[in-house]
Structure formats: structure tokens, C-alpha cells
Amino acid sequence: MAEVSTYLLLVLRGLEFLVEEEIRSKLQVESLEICSVQENPRPPYMQVLQGQAAVGRIILQTKSSAAEVQELRSVQATLALLAKSDEIDTESDAGVKQIGQLVQNADWDSAVKLWKQHSVRPVKDNEIKFRGSCVRDGKHKYNSQVLAGEVGARVVEKFGWTVNLTEFDLEVVVVIFYKFMVAGIALADPRKIQFRNRLANESRSALADCDYVSTLRPSTAYLMLQLAQHNYGDVVLDSMCGIGTLPICSADFTNDGVYALGGELDELPSGKAAPKQQGTLVSLLFRDI
């Protein structure tokens, strides 16, 4: 019998309802909680749509396989949940210790087991190299580096793993927005996480140049397509398509169920898009007007 796995999903803020629709249509859901930070009607006010840490958050419990979860198109980042709190101290260094304690006392057995299911290469427990990182927005009496250091120290204390900031096997990520905190183990391929990044870039396998990171995320392109409520045979038009993320992903997401058109004034990005469109119903045009 399949075990229940607990995920922390980071998604586009404001469109969590569309993400939930995809999850429920594709996975065996045991429970699903949207725990994105909501606007505070009274002071102190929070800019809930600004900053990396203001990302939408969904806690998912499912019996579906790791491979099935990886097929979700609307998710920016997938983590194995470690801890969550809505009452982090922001006014003193006590908040740092509070987060460290929450991470240390988390259900690591379940999280590490889930991480191994997603891992691209096996590694022995006593040989794991890791790093702690932090995505933070809002007012705090401490900075991201201090938090990452505290998390790293707690993990070393608990497991004795080796810290390596660049060649790591496992990454513990803390996302804190004002007093709201979630933490988890990143389930992306660590080789795709750059040194200064806190989360891996989304897969761009449908695009010509997978290493060229455009502003538009494939998950956002997917959600835009769902908002449009497309039908088979519809035309998707992006008159300023850059490297073609929206038209190419639209054709990819729908298995060529739409005809996608993209136009671009700049020859460089359109050149990067062209090679990977073969075999899909996509036309990219270089415009001079």
C-alpha cells in the first residue's frame, strides 16, 4: 500500500485555485491546504504580492508517486515539508533560534525518505553534503545569512552532515515572509541550483536553450493558458514572445492541441527559441515593425 507523502509546493501567488484544480485532477489527494499569506486588514500592513518569499504556498499530502508529482505543470518549486509556523518572532534574535528549533525538531525521517525518492543519484546517509538557505522578505531583526547559518548548524548538530555551499546533495530551504515561515528539503536536481540561488530554476525542456532563463516561468505560462480556458484548435498569440516561452509551452502543455504564434522584434531571443519548435504547432516570426 502506498504511503502518504507530505509536500510543500511553491506556486504563483493569487492563482492557487488553478494549481489546486490541476493537483486534484492528476494526483491522489489525501489533504490539501492553501497556506499562502493573506492581506492583513489592520496594521502592520504587508505587501503580500511583493518579494520572492510572498510566493503562494500549498501543503499537499498524497499517495501518488514522485514521478506523478513531478509532472505537475503549475508548480514553481517542490519541497519535502519540514516545518511551518505563523508566529515567528521578528523583533529579536529569538526568531533565529525559534526557526532553528523548528527545523531541528521536524519529521526528518519522512522528509529525507521523500527526498531520496526524488533524488537523481543515490548517496549514502553518512556521505550527504548539504547547505541551508533562506528566502526572506519583510521586516526582521536578523538577515537571511544568519538564518541560513542557524539552520545549517542545527542540521550538522542533528546528523553530522558536511556543509558544502556549491557541491551539495541536499538543500534545506527556509521561506520566511514577516512572521510566516515554511521550511523544506528542495526536491529539484541540485546541479540545477546556482550558488546564489535559493531554489532551482524550473525545467525548460521544451525550449531551445534550456540554460537561458527567461522572466516568464513555464508554470506561469501554464496558468495563463488555464485562465484562457482554451479549446482544441484555438490560436495562442504572443506578439512579444522573447524566446517563445508562452507559445512553445502552450503547444507542449496541450500536446499540440492549440496553434501557437509568437512574434519578436529582437533577433537574439527568437533565435534561441527556433530550434526546439520542430514537431510542434508553433510559428515564431521575426518582426521589423
C-alpha atoms as a PDB file:
ATOM      1  CA  MET A   1       0.000   0.000   0.000  1.00  0.00           C
ATOM      2  CA  ALA A   2       1.358   3.420  -0.986  1.00  0.00           C
ATOM      3  CA  GLU A   3       2.474   5.675   1.849  1.00  0.00           C
ATOM      4  CA  VAL A   4       1.314   9.254   2.289  1.00  0.00           C
ATOM      5  CA  SER A   5       3.972  11.840   1.397  1.00  0.00           C
ATOM      6  CA  THR A   6       3.836  15.457   2.541  1.00  0.00           C
ATOM      7  CA  TYR A   7       4.938  18.147   0.096  1.00  0.00           C
ATOM      8  CA  LEU A   8       5.424  21.881   0.282  1.00  0.00           C
ATOM      9  CA  LEU A   9       4.558  23.368  -3.112  1.00  0.00           C
ATOM     10  CA  LEU A  10       5.534  26.923  -4.010  1.00  0.00           C
ATOM     11  CA  VAL A  11       3.247  28.430  -6.648  1.00  0.00           C
ATOM     12  CA  LEU A  12       2.250  31.712  -8.266  1.00  0.00           C
ATOM     13  CA  ARG A  13       0.539  33.896  -5.660  1.00  0.00           C
ATOM     14  CA  GLY A  14      -3.122  34.552  -6.434  1.00  0.00           C
ATOM     15  CA  LEU A  15      -3.682  31.571  -8.740  1.00  0.00           C
ATOM     16  CA  GLU A  16      -3.550  28.825  -6.127  1.00  0.00           C
ATOM     17  CA  PHE A  17      -7.086  27.755  -7.084  1.00  0.00           C
ATOM     18  CA  LEU A  18      -5.874  26.782 -10.556  1.00  0.00           C
ATOM     19  CA  VAL A  19      -2.967  24.847  -9.073  1.00  0.00           C
ATOM     20  CA  GLU A  20      -5.422  23.010  -6.834  1.00  0.00           C
ATOM     21  CA  GLU A  21      -7.527  22.099  -9.867  1.00  0.00           C
ATOM     22  CA  GLU A  22      -4.513  20.543 -11.587  1.00  0.00           C
ATOM     23  CA  ILE A  23      -3.442  18.671  -8.442  1.00  0.00           C
ATOM     24  CA  ARG A  24      -6.888  17.190  -7.833  1.00  0.00           C
ATOM     25  CA  SER A  25      -7.219  16.162 -11.483  1.00  0.00           C
ATOM     26  CA  LYS A  26      -3.858  14.364 -11.607  1.00  0.00           C
ATOM     27  CA  LEU A  27      -2.993  13.108  -8.116  1.00  0.00           C
ATOM     28  CA  GLN A  28      -4.496  11.026  -5.326  1.00  0.00           C
ATOM     29  CA  VAL A  29      -5.036  13.749  -2.732  1.00  0.00           C
ATOM     30  CA  GLU A  30      -5.251  12.871   0.954  1.00  0.00           C
ATOM     31  CA  SER A  31      -5.293  16.510   2.085  1.00  0.00           C
ATOM     32  CA  LEU A  32      -4.538  19.894   0.560  1.00  0.00           C
ATOM     33  CA  GLU A  33      -4.063  23.172   2.432  1.00  0.00           C
ATOM     34  CA  ILE A  34      -3.501  26.532   0.763  1.00  0.00           C
ATOM     35  CA  CYS A  35      -1.452  28.425   3.336  1.00  0.00           C
ATOM     36  CA  SER A  36      -0.402  31.497   1.353  1.00  0.00           C
ATOM     37  CA  VAL A  37      -0.047  34.623   3.491  1.00  0.00           C
ATOM     38  CA  GLN A  38      -3.209  36.742   3.379  1.00  0.00           C
ATOM     39  CA  GLU A  39      -3.506  40.522   3.447  1.00  0.00           C
ATOM     40  CA  ASN A  40      -3.698  41.963   6.950  1.00  0.00           C
ATOM     41  CA  PRO A  41      -6.735  44.312   7.223  1.00  0.00           C
ATOM     42  CA  ARG A  42      -5.088  46.159  10.120  1.00  0.00           C
ATOM     43  CA  PRO A  43      -1.553  47.462  10.737  1.00  0.00           C
ATOM     44  CA  PRO A  44       1.091  46.276  10.291  1.00  0.00           C
ATOM     45  CA  TYR A  45       0.244  46.020   6.598  1.00  0.00           C
ATOM     46  CA  MET A  46       2.083  43.524   4.404  1.00  0.00           C
ATOM     47  CA  GLN A  47       2.790  43.680   0.677  1.00  0.00           C
ATOM     48  CA  VAL A  48       1.613  40.116   0.104  1.00  0.00           C
ATOM     49  CA  LEU A  49       2.248  40.229  -3.652  1.00  0.00           C
ATOM     50  CA  GLN A  50       5.799  41.580  -3.491  1.00  0.00           C
ATOM     51  CA  GLY A  51       9.023  39.676  -2.954  1.00  0.00           C
ATOM     52  CA  GLN A  52      10.246  36.129  -3.524  1.00  0.00           C
ATOM     53  CA  ALA A  53       9.022  34.997  -0.115  1.00  0.00           C
ATOM     54  CA  ALA A  54       5.487  36.181  -0.941  1.00  0.00           C
ATOM     55  CA  VAL A  55       5.104  33.125  -3.162  1.00  0.00           C
ATOM     56  CA  GLY A  56       1.937  31.040  -2.885  1.00  0.00           C
ATOM     57  CA  ARG A  57       2.197  28.011  -0.577  1.00  0.00           C
ATOM     58  CA  ILE A  58       0.356  24.712  -0.686  1.00  0.00           C
ATOM     59  CA  ILE A  59       0.852  21.799   1.703  1.00  0.00           C
ATOM     60  CA  LEU A  60      -0.108  18.583  -0.056  1.00  0.00           C
ATOM     61  CA  GLN A  61      -0.457  15.067   1.310  1.00  0.00           C
ATOM     62  CA  THR A  62      -0.696  12.439  -1.407  1.00  0.00           C
ATOM     63  CA  LYS A  63      -0.196   8.743  -2.111  1.00  0.00           C
ATOM     64  CA  SER A  64       0.797   9.488  -5.700  1.00  0.00           C
ATOM     65  CA  SER A  65       4.313   8.592  -6.804  1.00  0.00           C
ATOM     66  CA  ALA A  66       7.232  11.003  -7.024  1.00  0.00           C
ATOM     67  CA  ALA A  67       7.100  10.743 -10.812  1.00  0.00           C
ATOM     68  CA  GLU A  68       3.438  11.788 -10.844  1.00  0.00           C
ATOM     69  CA  VAL A  69       4.122  14.795  -8.602  1.00  0.00           C
ATOM     70  CA  GLN A  70       6.994  15.849 -10.844  1.00  0.00           C
ATOM     71  CA  GLU A  71       4.562  16.028 -13.765  1.00  0.00           C
ATOM     72  CA  LEU A  72       2.656  18.960 -12.228  1.00  0.00           C
ATOM     73  CA  ARG A  73       2.922  21.910 -14.609  1.00  0.00           C
ATOM     74  CA  SER A  74       1.676  24.730 -12.379  1.00  0.00           C
ATOM     75  CA  VAL A  75       4.231  24.405  -9.561  1.00  0.00           C
ATOM     76  CA  GLN A  76       7.302  26.636  -9.277  1.00  0.00           C
ATOM     77  CA  ALA A  77       9.160  24.533  -6.708  1.00  0.00           C
ATOM     78  CA  THR A  78       8.559  21.246  -4.900  1.00  0.00           C
ATOM     79  CA  LEU A  79       9.914  20.523  -1.418  1.00  0.00           C
ATOM     80  CA  ALA A  80       9.553  17.862   1.252  1.00  0.00           C
ATOM     81  CA  LEU A  81       7.861  19.673   4.132  1.00  0.00           C
ATOM     82  CA  LEU A  82       9.845  20.054   7.345  1.00  0.00           C
ATOM     83  CA  ALA A  83       8.211  22.833   9.364  1.00  0.00           C
ATOM     84  CA  LYS A  84       5.583  25.581   9.307  1.00  0.00           C
ATOM     85  CA  SER A  85       4.825  28.411  11.720  1.00  0.00           C
ATOM     86  CA  ASP A  86       2.702  31.564  11.585  1.00  0.00           C
ATOM     87  CA  GLU A  87       4.158  33.043  14.769  1.00  0.00           C
ATOM     88  CA  ILE A  88       7.873  33.626  14.186  1.00  0.00           C
ATOM     89  CA  ASP A  89       9.458  36.332  16.338  1.00  0.00           C
ATOM     90  CA  THR A  90      10.507  39.165  14.020  1.00  0.00           C
ATOM     91  CA  GLU A  91      11.528  41.676  16.694  1.00  0.00           C
ATOM     92  CA  SER A  92      14.582  39.937  18.164  1.00  0.00           C
ATOM     93  CA  ASP A  93      17.238  37.306  17.546  1.00  0.00           C
ATOM     94  CA  ALA A  94      14.944  34.857  19.328  1.00  0.00           C
ATOM     95  CA  GLY A  95      13.288  34.332  15.946  1.00  0.00           C
ATOM     96  CA  VAL A  96      16.506  32.808  14.621  1.00  0.00           C
ATOM     97  CA  LYS A  97      16.641  30.263  17.442  1.00  0.00           C
ATOM     98  CA  GLN A  98      12.921  29.609  17.044  1.00  0.00           C
ATOM     99  CA  ILE A  99      13.313  28.697  13.373  1.00  0.00           C
ATOM    100  CA  GLY A 100      16.381  26.596  14.090  1.00  0.00           C
ATOM    101  CA  GLN A 101      14.486  24.636  16.738  1.00  0.00           C
ATOM    102  CA  LEU A 102      11.503  24.069  14.441  1.00  0.00           C
ATOM    103  CA  VAL A 103      13.769  22.721  11.709  1.00  0.00           C
ATOM    104  CA  GLN A 104      15.721  20.518  14.103  1.00  0.00           C
ATOM    105  CA  ASN A 105      12.562  19.018  15.630  1.00  0.00           C
ATOM    106  CA  ALA A 106      10.891  18.336  12.265  1.00  0.00           C
ATOM    107  CA  ASP A 107       9.931  14.894  10.937  1.00  0.00           C
ATOM    108  CA  TRP A 108      13.225  14.343   9.149  1.00  0.00           C
ATOM    109  CA  ASP A 109      12.710  10.629   8.550  1.00  0.00           C
ATOM    110  CA  SER A 110       9.705  11.236   6.291  1.00  0.00           C
ATOM    111  CA  ALA A 111      11.270  14.248   4.569  1.00  0.00           C
ATOM    112  CA  VAL A 112      14.578  12.512   3.816  1.00  0.00           C
ATOM    113  CA  LYS A 113      12.738   9.421   2.583  1.00  0.00           C
ATOM    114  CA  LEU A 114      10.756  11.605   0.174  1.00  0.00           C
ATOM    115  CA  TRP A 115      13.940  13.390  -0.913  1.00  0.00           C
ATOM    116  CA  LYS A 116      15.525  10.033  -1.778  1.00  0.00           C
ATOM    117  CA  GLN A 117      12.520   9.164  -3.961  1.00  0.00           C
ATOM    118  CA  HIS A 118      13.143  12.328  -5.983  1.00  0.00           C
ATOM    119  CA  SER A 119      16.957  12.221  -5.897  1.00  0.00           C
ATOM    120  CA  VAL A 120      18.679  11.894  -9.266  1.00  0.00           C
ATOM    121  CA  ARG A 121      21.564   9.894  -7.826  1.00  0.00           C
ATOM    122  CA  PRO A 122      21.838   7.792  -4.657  1.00  0.00           C
ATOM    123  CA  VAL A 123      24.090   8.898  -1.808  1.00  0.00           C
ATOM    124  CA  LYS A 124      24.839   7.181   1.485  1.00  0.00           C
ATOM    125  CA  ASP A 125      23.422   8.867   4.588  1.00  0.00           C
ATOM    126  CA  ASN A 126      26.852   9.416   6.125  1.00  0.00           C
ATOM    127  CA  GLU A 127      28.165  10.984   2.908  1.00  0.00           C
ATOM    128  CA  ILE A 128      25.431  13.587   2.370  1.00  0.00           C
ATOM    129  CA  LYS A 129      26.672  17.098   1.653  1.00  0.00           C
ATOM    130  CA  PHE A 130      24.155  19.867   2.242  1.00  0.00           C
ATOM    131  CA  ARG A 131      23.582  23.574   2.576  1.00  0.00           C
ATOM    132  CA  GLY A 132      20.994  25.709   4.325  1.00  0.00           C
ATOM    133  CA  SER A 133      19.429  28.656   2.521  1.00  0.00           C
ATOM    134  CA  CYS A 134      16.801  31.289   3.168  1.00  0.00           C
ATOM    135  CA  VAL A 135      14.272  33.222   1.082  1.00  0.00           C
ATOM    136  CA  ARG A 136      13.192  36.194   3.195  1.00  0.00           C
ATOM    137  CA  ASP A 137      11.005  39.266   2.790  1.00  0.00           C
ATOM    138  CA  GLY A 138       9.541  41.651   5.352  1.00  0.00           C
ATOM    139  CA  LYS A 139      10.973  43.344   8.427  1.00  0.00           C
ATOM    140  CA  HIS A 140      13.145  41.226  10.716  1.00  0.00           C
ATOM    141  CA  LYS A 141      15.851  41.943  13.297  1.00  0.00           C
ATOM    142  CA  TYR A 142      18.038  39.363  11.530  1.00  0.00           C
ATOM    143  CA  ASN A 143      19.132  38.707   7.955  1.00  0.00           C
ATOM    144  CA  SER A 144      18.991  35.736   5.595  1.00  0.00           C
ATOM    145  CA  GLN A 145      22.636  34.771   6.093  1.00  0.00           C
ATOM    146  CA  VAL A 146      22.167  34.464   9.861  1.00  0.00           C
ATOM    147  CA  LEU A 147      19.087  32.280   9.371  1.00  0.00           C
ATOM    148  CA  ALA A 148      20.825  30.041   6.839  1.00  0.00           C
ATOM    149  CA  GLY A 149      23.763  29.663   9.215  1.00  0.00           C
ATOM    150  CA  GLU A 150      21.486  28.732  12.108  1.00  0.00           C
ATOM    151  CA  VAL A 151      19.675  26.126  10.029  1.00  0.00           C
ATOM    152  CA  GLY A 152      22.976  24.692   8.839  1.00  0.00           C
ATOM    153  CA  ALA A 153      24.309  24.476  12.387  1.00  0.00           C
ATOM    154  CA  ARG A 154      21.180  22.658  13.598  1.00  0.00           C
ATOM    155  CA  VAL A 155      21.404  20.121  10.762  1.00  0.00           C
ATOM    156  CA  VAL A 156      25.092  19.474  11.481  1.00  0.00           C
ATOM    157  CA  GLU A 157      24.233  19.019  15.154  1.00  0.00           C
ATOM    158  CA  LYS A 158      21.474  16.538  14.300  1.00  0.00           C
ATOM    159  CA  PHE A 159      23.130  14.490  11.538  1.00  0.00           C
ATOM    160  CA  GLY A 160      26.799  15.443  11.312  1.00  0.00           C
ATOM    161  CA  TRP A 161      26.477  16.038   7.570  1.00  0.00           C
ATOM    162  CA  THR A 162      29.142  18.011   5.705  1.00  0.00           C
ATOM    163  CA  VAL A 163      28.353  21.589   4.695  1.00  0.00           C
ATOM    164  CA  ASN A 164      29.121  22.415   1.052  1.00  0.00           C
ATOM    165  CA  LEU A 165      27.675  25.591  -0.446  1.00  0.00           C
ATOM    166  CA  THR A 166      28.333  24.691  -4.086  1.00  0.00           C
ATOM    167  CA  GLU A 167      28.600  20.893  -4.485  1.00  0.00           C
ATOM    168  CA  PHE A 168      25.726  19.778  -2.265  1.00  0.00           C
ATOM    169  CA  ASP A 169      23.401  16.779  -2.462  1.00  0.00           C
ATOM    170  CA  LEU A 170      20.613  18.212  -0.312  1.00  0.00           C
ATOM    171  CA  GLU A 171      19.364  21.726   0.380  1.00  0.00           C
ATOM    172  CA  VAL A 172      17.271  22.835   3.345  1.00  0.00           C
ATOM    173  CA  VAL A 173      15.249  25.909   2.352  1.00  0.00           C
ATOM    174  CA  VAL A 174      13.542  28.316   4.755  1.00  0.00           C
ATOM    175  CA  VAL A 175      10.961  30.701   3.275  1.00  0.00           C
ATOM    176  CA  ILE A 176      10.012  33.475   5.706  1.00  0.00           C
ATOM    177  CA  PHE A 177       7.611  36.331   4.989  1.00  0.00           C
ATOM    178  CA  TYR A 178       7.206  38.618   8.003  1.00  0.00           C
ATOM    179  CA  LYS A 179       6.167  36.189  10.791  1.00  0.00           C
ATOM    180  CA  PHE A 180       5.112  33.376   8.449  1.00  0.00           C
ATOM    181  CA  MET A 181       7.645  30.599   7.879  1.00  0.00           C
ATOM    182  CA  VAL A 182       7.771  27.322   5.981  1.00  0.00           C
ATOM    183  CA  ALA A 183      10.796  25.062   5.569  1.00  0.00           C
ATOM    184  CA  GLY A 184      11.538  22.008   3.487  1.00  0.00           C
ATOM    185  CA  ILE A 185      14.076  19.961   1.576  1.00  0.00           C
ATOM    186  CA  ALA A 186      14.314  21.020  -2.069  1.00  0.00           C
ATOM    187  CA  LEU A 187      13.411  18.143  -4.394  1.00  0.00           C
ATOM    188  CA  ALA A 188      14.990  19.593  -7.538  1.00  0.00           C
ATOM    189  CA  ASP A 189      18.223  18.332  -9.073  1.00  0.00           C
ATOM    190  CA  PRO A 190      20.895  20.187  -7.023  1.00  0.00           C
ATOM    191  CA  ARG A 191      23.040  20.527 -10.132  1.00  0.00           C
ATOM    192  CA  LYS A 192      20.446  22.967 -11.474  1.00  0.00           C
ATOM    193  CA  ILE A 193      20.681  25.251  -8.443  1.00  0.00           C
ATOM    194  CA  GLN A 194      23.215  28.040  -8.916  1.00  0.00           C
ATOM    195  CA  PHE A 195      25.351  29.166  -5.977  1.00  0.00           C
ATOM    196  CA  ARG A 196      23.446  32.412  -5.336  1.00  0.00           C
ATOM    197  CA  ASN A 197      20.005  30.922  -5.989  1.00  0.00           C
ATOM    198  CA  ARG A 198      17.842  29.590  -3.189  1.00  0.00           C
ATOM    199  CA  LEU A 199      15.652  27.460  -5.460  1.00  0.00           C
ATOM    200  CA  ALA A 200      16.266  25.613  -8.720  1.00  0.00           C
ATOM    201  CA  ASN A 201      15.062  27.158 -11.944  1.00  0.00           C
ATOM    202  CA  GLU A 202      12.038  25.429 -13.430  1.00  0.00           C
ATOM    203  CA  SER A 203      12.572  22.814 -16.111  1.00  0.00           C
ATOM    204  CA  ARG A 204      12.585  24.380 -19.567  1.00  0.00           C
ATOM    205  CA  SER A 205      12.998  21.180 -21.567  1.00  0.00           C
ATOM    206  CA  ALA A 206      10.532  22.296 -24.247  1.00  0.00           C
ATOM    207  CA  LEU A 207      12.594  25.390 -25.008  1.00  0.00           C
ATOM    208  CA  ALA A 208      15.527  25.587 -27.381  1.00  0.00           C
ATOM    209  CA  ASP A 209      18.083  26.881 -24.896  1.00  0.00           C
ATOM    210  CA  CYS A 210      17.394  25.242 -21.522  1.00  0.00           C
ATOM    211  CA  ASP A 211      20.178  27.279 -19.903  1.00  0.00           C
ATOM    212  CA  TYR A 212      18.679  30.622 -20.954  1.00  0.00           C
ATOM    213  CA  VAL A 213      16.378  31.658 -18.120  1.00  0.00           C
ATOM    214  CA  SER A 214      13.572  33.927 -19.276  1.00  0.00           C
ATOM    215  CA  THR A 215      11.483  36.127 -16.999  1.00  0.00           C
ATOM    216  CA  LEU A 216       8.313  34.177 -17.767  1.00  0.00           C
ATOM    217  CA  ARG A 217       8.207  30.869 -15.912  1.00  0.00           C
ATOM    218  CA  PRO A 218       6.777  27.813 -17.704  1.00  0.00           C
ATOM    219  CA  SER A 219       4.439  27.332 -14.711  1.00  0.00           C
ATOM    220  CA  THR A 220       3.116  30.873 -15.221  1.00  0.00           C
ATOM    221  CA  ALA A 221       2.618  30.163 -18.927  1.00  0.00           C
ATOM    222  CA  TYR A 222       0.629  27.072 -17.959  1.00  0.00           C
ATOM    223  CA  LEU A 223      -1.582  29.042 -15.566  1.00  0.00           C
ATOM    224  CA  MET A 224      -2.167  31.760 -18.182  1.00  0.00           C
ATOM    225  CA  LEU A 225      -3.321  29.063 -20.573  1.00  0.00           C
ATOM    226  CA  GLN A 226      -5.718  27.661 -17.971  1.00  0.00           C
ATOM    227  CA  LEU A 227      -7.131  31.135 -17.298  1.00  0.00           C
ATOM    228  CA  ALA A 228      -7.838  31.481 -21.018  1.00  0.00           C
ATOM    229  CA  GLN A 229      -9.958  28.292 -20.885  1.00  0.00           C
ATOM    230  CA  HIS A 230      -8.588  27.171 -24.231  1.00  0.00           C
ATOM    231  CA  ASN A 231     -10.273  24.651 -26.504  1.00  0.00           C
ATOM    232  CA  TYR A 232      -8.812  22.276 -29.064  1.00  0.00           C
ATOM    233  CA  GLY A 233      -7.778  24.160 -32.192  1.00  0.00           C
ATOM    234  CA  ASP A 234      -7.586  27.602 -30.557  1.00  0.00           C
ATOM    235  CA  VAL A 235      -4.851  30.032 -31.594  1.00  0.00           C
ATOM    236  CA  VAL A 236      -2.460  31.310 -28.916  1.00  0.00           C
ATOM    237  CA  LEU A 237      -0.797  34.600 -29.897  1.00  0.00           C
ATOM    238  CA  ASP A 238       2.094  36.289 -28.085  1.00  0.00           C
ATOM    239  CA  SER A 239       3.215  39.366 -30.015  1.00  0.00           C
ATOM    240  CA  MET A 240       6.261  39.941 -27.750  1.00  0.00           C
ATOM    241  CA  CYS A 241       7.283  36.346 -27.112  1.00  0.00           C
ATOM    242  CA  GLY A 242      11.014  36.690 -26.361  1.00  0.00           C
ATOM    243  CA  ILE A 243      12.458  33.160 -26.512  1.00  0.00           C
ATOM    244  CA  GLY A 244       8.979  31.805 -27.110  1.00  0.00           C
ATOM    245  CA  THR A 245       8.123  30.532 -23.640  1.00  0.00           C
ATOM    246  CA  LEU A 246       4.376  31.129 -23.949  1.00  0.00           C
ATOM    247  CA  PRO A 247       3.749  29.790 -27.487  1.00  0.00           C
ATOM    248  CA  ILE A 248       6.123  26.822 -27.188  1.00  0.00           C
ATOM    249  CA  CYS A 249       4.886  25.829 -23.737  1.00  0.00           C
ATOM    250  CA  SER A 250       1.274  26.245 -24.870  1.00  0.00           C
ATOM    251  CA  ALA A 251       1.821  23.729 -27.662  1.00  0.00           C
ATOM    252  CA  ASP A 252       3.734  21.441 -25.305  1.00  0.00           C
ATOM    253  CA  PHE A 253       1.169  21.603 -22.487  1.00  0.00           C
ATOM    254  CA  THR A 254      -1.747  20.814 -24.817  1.00  0.00           C
ATOM    255  CA  ASN A 255       0.038  18.125 -26.878  1.00  0.00           C
ATOM    256  CA  ASP A 256      -0.321  20.380 -29.905  1.00  0.00           C
ATOM    257  CA  GLY A 257      -3.991  20.961 -29.145  1.00  0.00           C
ATOM    258  CA  VAL A 258      -3.569  24.670 -29.945  1.00  0.00           C
ATOM    259  CA  TYR A 259      -1.803  26.530 -32.728  1.00  0.00           C
ATOM    260  CA  ALA A 260       0.677  28.936 -31.163  1.00  0.00           C
ATOM    261  CA  LEU A 261       2.030  32.096 -32.785  1.00  0.00           C
ATOM    262  CA  GLY A 262       4.842  34.226 -31.403  1.00  0.00           C
ATOM    263  CA  GLY A 263       6.328  37.476 -32.689  1.00  0.00           C
ATOM    264  CA  GLU A 264       9.522  39.229 -31.602  1.00  0.00           C
ATOM    265  CA  LEU A 265      11.498  42.343 -32.613  1.00  0.00           C
ATOM    266  CA  ASP A 266      14.800  41.180 -31.123  1.00  0.00           C
ATOM    267  CA  GLU A 267      16.607  38.584 -33.229  1.00  0.00           C
ATOM    268  CA  LEU A 268      18.653  37.143 -30.328  1.00  0.00           C
ATOM    269  CA  PRO A 269      15.861  35.623 -28.207  1.00  0.00           C
ATOM    270  CA  SER A 270      13.840  34.465 -31.204  1.00  0.00           C
ATOM    271  CA  GLY A 271      16.944  32.680 -32.489  1.00  0.00           C
ATOM    272  CA  LYS A 272      17.218  30.809 -29.207  1.00  0.00           C
ATOM    273  CA  ALA A 273      13.600  29.710 -29.475  1.00  0.00           C
ATOM    274  CA  ALA A 274      13.524  28.416 -33.035  1.00  0.00           C
ATOM    275  CA  PRO A 275      15.478  25.122 -32.851  1.00  0.00           C
ATOM    276  CA  LYS A 276      13.193  23.408 -30.309  1.00  0.00           C
ATOM    277  CA  GLN A 277       9.875  24.192 -32.009  1.00  0.00           C
ATOM    278  CA  GLN A 278      10.234  21.486 -34.654  1.00  0.00           C
ATOM    279  CA  GLY A 279       7.424  18.954 -34.451  1.00  0.00           C
ATOM    280  CA  THR A 280       5.062  21.296 -32.630  1.00  0.00           C
ATOM    281  CA  LEU A 281       2.302  23.560 -33.920  1.00  0.00           C
ATOM    282  CA  VAL A 282       4.289  26.731 -33.250  1.00  0.00           C
ATOM    283  CA  SER A 283       5.286  29.546 -35.583  1.00  0.00           C
ATOM    284  CA  LEU A 284       7.785  32.191 -34.461  1.00  0.00           C
ATOM    285  CA  LEU A 285       8.120  35.309 -36.590  1.00  0.00           C
ATOM    286  CA  PHE A 286      10.921  37.884 -36.548  1.00  0.00           C
ATOM    287  CA  ARG A 287       9.267  41.305 -36.978  1.00  0.00           C
ATOM    288  CA  ASP A 288      10.844  44.533 -38.192  1.00  0.00           C
ATOM    289  CA  ILE A 289       7.901  46.785 -37.309  1.00  0.00           C
END
